[in-house]
N, C-alpha and C. Protein backbone atom coordinates (compact mmCIF):
# COMPACT_ATOMS: atom_id res chain seq x y z
N MET A 1 4.88 -6.11 -23.89
CA MET A 1 5.31 -5.79 -22.56
C MET A 1 6.46 -4.78 -22.58
N MET A 2 7.24 -4.76 -23.61
CA MET A 2 8.34 -3.81 -23.70
C MET A 2 7.83 -2.38 -23.67
N LEU A 3 6.73 -2.10 -24.36
CA LEU A 3 6.16 -0.76 -24.36
C LEU A 3 5.69 -0.39 -22.96
N THR A 4 5.04 -1.33 -22.26
CA THR A 4 4.59 -1.07 -20.90
C THR A 4 5.77 -0.79 -19.99
N GLN A 5 6.85 -1.55 -20.12
CA GLN A 5 8.04 -1.34 -19.30
C GLN A 5 8.64 0.03 -19.60
N ALA A 6 8.63 0.45 -20.86
CA ALA A 6 9.18 1.75 -21.20
C ALA A 6 8.34 2.87 -20.60
N LEU A 7 7.01 2.72 -20.61
CA LEU A 7 6.12 3.73 -20.07
C LEU A 7 6.12 3.71 -18.54
N HIS A 8 6.29 2.55 -17.94
CA HIS A 8 6.19 2.38 -16.50
C HIS A 8 7.37 1.53 -16.00
N PRO A 9 8.56 2.14 -15.82
CA PRO A 9 9.73 1.34 -15.43
C PRO A 9 9.64 0.69 -14.05
N HIS A 10 8.75 1.16 -13.17
CA HIS A 10 8.61 0.56 -11.85
C HIS A 10 7.39 -0.36 -11.76
N LEU A 11 6.68 -0.51 -12.85
CA LEU A 11 5.47 -1.32 -12.83
C LEU A 11 5.52 -2.41 -13.89
N ASP A 12 5.11 -3.60 -13.51
CA ASP A 12 4.87 -4.66 -14.48
C ASP A 12 3.36 -4.78 -14.58
N VAL A 13 2.81 -4.47 -15.73
CA VAL A 13 1.37 -4.40 -15.91
C VAL A 13 0.91 -5.52 -16.85
N GLN A 14 -0.01 -6.34 -16.37
CA GLN A 14 -0.57 -7.43 -17.17
C GLN A 14 -2.09 -7.24 -17.22
N HIS A 15 -2.62 -7.14 -18.42
CA HIS A 15 -4.06 -6.97 -18.60
C HIS A 15 -4.71 -8.33 -18.80
N THR A 16 -5.80 -8.58 -18.07
CA THR A 16 -6.61 -9.77 -18.26
C THR A 16 -8.02 -9.30 -18.58
N PRO A 17 -8.89 -10.18 -19.04
CA PRO A 17 -10.25 -9.73 -19.34
C PRO A 17 -10.99 -9.16 -18.12
N GLU A 18 -10.70 -9.69 -16.94
CA GLU A 18 -11.42 -9.27 -15.73
C GLU A 18 -10.74 -8.15 -14.96
N ALA A 19 -9.42 -8.01 -15.11
CA ALA A 19 -8.69 -7.10 -14.23
C ALA A 19 -7.36 -6.70 -14.84
N VAL A 20 -6.65 -5.90 -14.09
CA VAL A 20 -5.29 -5.51 -14.43
C VAL A 20 -4.41 -5.89 -13.25
N ASP A 21 -3.37 -6.66 -13.51
CA ASP A 21 -2.42 -7.06 -12.48
C ASP A 21 -1.20 -6.14 -12.57
N VAL A 22 -0.91 -5.48 -11.46
CA VAL A 22 0.22 -4.54 -11.43
C VAL A 22 1.19 -5.00 -10.34
N THR A 23 2.43 -5.22 -10.72
CA THR A 23 3.47 -5.56 -9.75
C THR A 23 4.44 -4.40 -9.67
N LEU A 24 4.64 -3.91 -8.47
CA LEU A 24 5.60 -2.84 -8.24
C LEU A 24 6.97 -3.47 -8.05
N HIS A 25 7.95 -3.01 -8.81
CA HIS A 25 9.30 -3.55 -8.70
C HIS A 25 10.32 -2.43 -8.79
N ASN A 26 11.57 -2.74 -8.53
CA ASN A 26 12.68 -1.77 -8.52
C ASN A 26 12.51 -0.69 -7.46
N CYS A 27 11.73 -0.98 -6.42
CA CYS A 27 11.51 -0.02 -5.32
C CYS A 27 11.32 -0.78 -4.02
N HIS A 28 12.34 -1.52 -3.59
CA HIS A 28 12.21 -2.26 -2.34
C HIS A 28 11.84 -1.32 -1.19
N GLN A 29 12.46 -0.17 -1.16
CA GLN A 29 12.11 0.86 -0.19
C GLN A 29 11.56 2.04 -0.97
N LEU A 30 10.36 2.41 -0.67
CA LEU A 30 9.73 3.51 -1.39
C LEU A 30 10.25 4.84 -0.84
N ASP A 31 11.50 5.17 -1.17
CA ASP A 31 12.06 6.45 -0.74
C ASP A 31 11.45 7.56 -1.58
N GLU A 32 11.82 8.81 -1.27
CA GLU A 32 11.19 9.95 -1.94
C GLU A 32 11.36 9.93 -3.45
N GLU A 33 12.57 9.63 -3.91
CA GLU A 33 12.84 9.63 -5.35
C GLU A 33 12.01 8.56 -6.07
N CYS A 34 12.03 7.36 -5.53
CA CYS A 34 11.27 6.26 -6.13
C CYS A 34 9.78 6.54 -6.04
N LEU A 35 9.33 7.07 -4.92
CA LEU A 35 7.91 7.31 -4.70
C LEU A 35 7.34 8.31 -5.71
N GLU A 36 8.10 9.36 -6.02
CA GLU A 36 7.62 10.35 -6.99
C GLU A 36 7.40 9.72 -8.36
N THR A 37 8.35 8.92 -8.80
CA THR A 37 8.22 8.25 -10.09
C THR A 37 7.06 7.27 -10.08
N VAL A 38 6.96 6.49 -9.02
CA VAL A 38 5.87 5.50 -8.91
C VAL A 38 4.53 6.22 -8.87
N ARG A 39 4.45 7.33 -8.15
CA ARG A 39 3.19 8.10 -8.07
C ARG A 39 2.73 8.49 -9.48
N GLU A 40 3.64 9.05 -10.27
CA GLU A 40 3.28 9.47 -11.62
C GLU A 40 2.84 8.27 -12.46
N GLU A 41 3.58 7.17 -12.37
CA GLU A 41 3.24 5.98 -13.15
C GLU A 41 1.87 5.43 -12.76
N LEU A 42 1.62 5.30 -11.45
CA LEU A 42 0.35 4.72 -11.00
C LEU A 42 -0.84 5.61 -11.31
N LEU A 43 -0.69 6.91 -11.11
CA LEU A 43 -1.82 7.80 -11.39
C LEU A 43 -2.11 7.89 -12.89
N ASP A 44 -1.06 7.85 -13.72
CA ASP A 44 -1.27 7.80 -15.17
C ASP A 44 -1.99 6.51 -15.55
N LEU A 45 -1.55 5.41 -14.99
CA LEU A 45 -2.18 4.12 -15.27
C LEU A 45 -3.62 4.11 -14.80
N CYS A 46 -3.86 4.63 -13.60
CA CYS A 46 -5.21 4.68 -13.04
C CYS A 46 -6.17 5.46 -13.94
N ALA A 47 -5.70 6.56 -14.49
CA ALA A 47 -6.54 7.38 -15.37
C ALA A 47 -6.99 6.59 -16.60
N ALA A 48 -6.18 5.64 -17.02
CA ALA A 48 -6.50 4.84 -18.21
C ALA A 48 -7.31 3.59 -17.87
N LEU A 49 -7.52 3.31 -16.59
CA LEU A 49 -8.15 2.05 -16.18
C LEU A 49 -9.51 2.25 -15.52
N GLU A 50 -10.27 3.18 -15.98
CA GLU A 50 -11.59 3.39 -15.40
C GLU A 50 -12.39 2.09 -15.41
N HIS A 51 -13.17 1.90 -14.37
CA HIS A 51 -14.08 0.75 -14.26
C HIS A 51 -13.36 -0.59 -14.26
N ARG A 52 -12.10 -0.63 -13.85
CA ARG A 52 -11.35 -1.88 -13.85
C ARG A 52 -10.98 -2.28 -12.43
N HIS A 53 -10.78 -3.56 -12.26
CA HIS A 53 -10.29 -4.10 -10.99
C HIS A 53 -8.78 -4.19 -11.11
N VAL A 54 -8.08 -3.54 -10.20
CA VAL A 54 -6.61 -3.53 -10.21
C VAL A 54 -6.11 -4.34 -9.02
N PHE A 55 -5.30 -5.36 -9.33
CA PHE A 55 -4.62 -6.14 -8.31
C PHE A 55 -3.20 -5.58 -8.21
N MET A 56 -2.86 -5.00 -7.07
CA MET A 56 -1.54 -4.40 -6.86
C MET A 56 -0.70 -5.36 -6.03
N ASN A 57 0.31 -5.97 -6.68
CA ASN A 57 1.20 -6.92 -6.04
C ASN A 57 2.35 -6.14 -5.40
N LEU A 58 2.42 -6.18 -4.06
CA LEU A 58 3.44 -5.43 -3.33
C LEU A 58 4.52 -6.34 -2.75
N ALA A 59 4.69 -7.53 -3.32
CA ALA A 59 5.65 -8.51 -2.80
C ALA A 59 7.07 -7.97 -2.76
N HIS A 60 7.42 -7.07 -3.66
CA HIS A 60 8.80 -6.56 -3.75
C HIS A 60 9.01 -5.29 -2.94
N VAL A 61 8.00 -4.86 -2.21
CA VAL A 61 8.12 -3.66 -1.38
C VAL A 61 8.39 -4.10 0.05
N GLY A 62 9.57 -3.76 0.55
CA GLY A 62 9.96 -4.16 1.90
C GLY A 62 9.68 -3.11 2.95
N TYR A 63 9.52 -1.86 2.52
CA TYR A 63 9.28 -0.75 3.45
C TYR A 63 8.37 0.25 2.76
N MET A 64 7.39 0.76 3.51
CA MET A 64 6.48 1.74 2.94
C MET A 64 6.32 2.90 3.92
N PRO A 65 6.77 4.09 3.54
CA PRO A 65 6.57 5.26 4.39
C PRO A 65 5.12 5.74 4.31
N SER A 66 4.78 6.71 5.13
CA SER A 66 3.41 7.22 5.14
C SER A 66 3.02 7.80 3.78
N ALA A 67 3.97 8.36 3.06
CA ALA A 67 3.66 8.88 1.72
C ALA A 67 3.24 7.76 0.78
N GLY A 68 3.78 6.56 0.96
CA GLY A 68 3.35 5.41 0.16
C GLY A 68 1.91 5.03 0.48
N LEU A 69 1.56 5.07 1.75
CA LEU A 69 0.16 4.81 2.13
C LEU A 69 -0.74 5.86 1.51
N GLY A 70 -0.31 7.10 1.53
CA GLY A 70 -1.09 8.17 0.93
C GLY A 70 -1.32 7.95 -0.55
N LEU A 71 -0.30 7.48 -1.23
CA LEU A 71 -0.43 7.18 -2.66
C LEU A 71 -1.47 6.08 -2.90
N LEU A 72 -1.41 5.01 -2.09
CA LEU A 72 -2.39 3.92 -2.25
C LEU A 72 -3.80 4.40 -1.92
N LEU A 73 -3.94 5.28 -0.93
CA LEU A 73 -5.25 5.85 -0.61
C LEU A 73 -5.80 6.65 -1.79
N THR A 74 -4.93 7.47 -2.39
CA THR A 74 -5.33 8.26 -3.55
C THR A 74 -5.74 7.36 -4.71
N LEU A 75 -4.94 6.34 -4.96
CA LEU A 75 -5.24 5.40 -6.05
C LEU A 75 -6.58 4.72 -5.82
N LYS A 76 -6.82 4.26 -4.60
CA LYS A 76 -8.08 3.59 -4.28
C LYS A 76 -9.26 4.54 -4.46
N GLN A 77 -9.13 5.75 -3.99
CA GLN A 77 -10.22 6.72 -4.11
C GLN A 77 -10.54 7.01 -5.58
N ARG A 78 -9.52 7.15 -6.40
CA ARG A 78 -9.76 7.42 -7.82
C ARG A 78 -10.42 6.24 -8.52
N LEU A 79 -9.95 5.03 -8.19
CA LEU A 79 -10.58 3.85 -8.78
C LEU A 79 -12.01 3.69 -8.29
N ASP A 80 -12.26 3.93 -7.01
CA ASP A 80 -13.62 3.84 -6.47
C ASP A 80 -14.55 4.82 -7.18
N ARG A 81 -14.09 6.05 -7.38
CA ARG A 81 -14.93 7.07 -8.03
C ARG A 81 -15.27 6.70 -9.47
N SER A 82 -14.38 5.97 -10.14
CA SER A 82 -14.62 5.63 -11.55
C SER A 82 -15.28 4.26 -11.70
N GLY A 83 -15.66 3.65 -10.58
CA GLY A 83 -16.31 2.34 -10.65
C GLY A 83 -15.34 1.18 -10.65
N GLY A 84 -14.07 1.45 -10.41
CA GLY A 84 -13.07 0.39 -10.36
C GLY A 84 -12.89 -0.11 -8.94
N ARG A 85 -11.87 -0.93 -8.75
CA ARG A 85 -11.59 -1.50 -7.43
C ARG A 85 -10.09 -1.77 -7.32
N LEU A 86 -9.56 -1.57 -6.12
CA LEU A 86 -8.15 -1.85 -5.86
C LEU A 86 -8.04 -2.96 -4.83
N THR A 87 -7.26 -4.00 -5.16
CA THR A 87 -6.96 -5.08 -4.23
C THR A 87 -5.45 -5.14 -4.08
N LEU A 88 -4.98 -5.12 -2.84
CA LEU A 88 -3.55 -5.23 -2.55
C LEU A 88 -3.22 -6.69 -2.29
N CYS A 89 -2.11 -7.17 -2.84
CA CYS A 89 -1.74 -8.58 -2.74
C CYS A 89 -0.29 -8.73 -2.29
N ASN A 90 -0.04 -9.86 -1.63
CA ASN A 90 1.32 -10.30 -1.31
C ASN A 90 2.13 -9.28 -0.50
N LEU A 91 1.52 -8.70 0.50
CA LEU A 91 2.24 -7.77 1.37
C LEU A 91 3.23 -8.55 2.24
N ASN A 92 4.45 -8.06 2.35
CA ASN A 92 5.39 -8.72 3.24
C ASN A 92 4.97 -8.42 4.68
N PRO A 93 5.47 -9.17 5.67
CA PRO A 93 5.00 -9.00 7.05
C PRO A 93 5.14 -7.58 7.60
N LEU A 94 6.22 -6.88 7.29
CA LEU A 94 6.39 -5.51 7.80
C LEU A 94 5.38 -4.54 7.21
N VAL A 95 5.14 -4.66 5.92
CA VAL A 95 4.17 -3.79 5.26
C VAL A 95 2.76 -4.14 5.74
N ARG A 96 2.46 -5.43 5.89
CA ARG A 96 1.15 -5.84 6.40
C ARG A 96 0.93 -5.27 7.80
N GLU A 97 1.95 -5.33 8.65
CA GLU A 97 1.83 -4.80 10.01
C GLU A 97 1.52 -3.31 9.99
N LEU A 98 2.11 -2.58 9.05
CA LEU A 98 1.81 -1.16 8.91
C LEU A 98 0.32 -0.95 8.64
N PHE A 99 -0.27 -1.77 7.78
CA PHE A 99 -1.70 -1.66 7.49
C PHE A 99 -2.54 -2.00 8.71
N VAL A 100 -2.08 -2.97 9.50
CA VAL A 100 -2.80 -3.35 10.72
C VAL A 100 -2.75 -2.21 11.75
N VAL A 101 -1.55 -1.69 11.99
CA VAL A 101 -1.36 -0.63 12.98
C VAL A 101 -2.16 0.63 12.62
N THR A 102 -2.19 0.96 11.35
CA THR A 102 -2.92 2.15 10.90
C THR A 102 -4.41 1.89 10.68
N ARG A 103 -4.81 0.65 10.91
CA ARG A 103 -6.22 0.21 10.75
C ARG A 103 -6.74 0.36 9.33
N LEU A 104 -5.83 0.29 8.38
CA LEU A 104 -6.23 0.38 6.97
C LEU A 104 -6.64 -0.98 6.41
N THR A 105 -6.51 -2.04 7.20
CA THR A 105 -6.95 -3.35 6.74
C THR A 105 -8.47 -3.39 6.56
N SER A 106 -9.18 -2.51 7.24
CA SER A 106 -10.63 -2.46 7.07
C SER A 106 -11.04 -1.57 5.89
N TYR A 107 -10.11 -0.78 5.37
CA TYR A 107 -10.40 0.11 4.26
C TYR A 107 -10.00 -0.50 2.92
N PHE A 108 -8.86 -1.20 2.90
CA PHE A 108 -8.36 -1.83 1.69
C PHE A 108 -8.77 -3.30 1.63
N HIS A 109 -8.98 -3.79 0.44
CA HIS A 109 -9.17 -5.23 0.23
C HIS A 109 -7.76 -5.80 0.06
N ILE A 110 -7.37 -6.70 0.98
CA ILE A 110 -6.01 -7.24 0.98
C ILE A 110 -6.07 -8.76 0.89
N LEU A 111 -5.30 -9.31 -0.06
CA LEU A 111 -5.19 -10.76 -0.21
C LEU A 111 -3.78 -11.19 0.16
N ASP A 112 -3.67 -12.35 0.80
CA ASP A 112 -2.34 -12.88 1.14
C ASP A 112 -1.58 -13.27 -0.13
N ALA A 113 -2.28 -13.81 -1.09
CA ALA A 113 -1.65 -14.23 -2.35
C ALA A 113 -2.56 -13.82 -3.50
N GLN A 114 -1.96 -13.57 -4.63
CA GLN A 114 -2.73 -13.22 -5.82
C GLN A 114 -3.00 -14.49 -6.61
N ASN A 115 -4.25 -14.74 -6.90
CA ASN A 115 -4.62 -15.95 -7.65
C ASN A 115 -4.53 -15.74 -9.12
């Protein structure tokens, strides 16, 4: 895990036989500086995870700007094209409301809790 933390300081990545569990941390508010770093980390990780199911735990994200939504859309599209799947988990009420208002709840697979 130390190597993963060094490669992805904003991501905690756990590989299981069926999927990859990714927890976003150290970015309660996805401001521009944090978002750029997270974008690079997630897209690099996505490129290495073809044909995998990715569970993205957003429990530590308290605010998501439109650029954060754009990043998740890009990630989902790339995983879809490679035969993978993206599931968002543990959205806090404010972030969940953003998905409801933007009607992205019908586009993303969202779980209240990660099993």
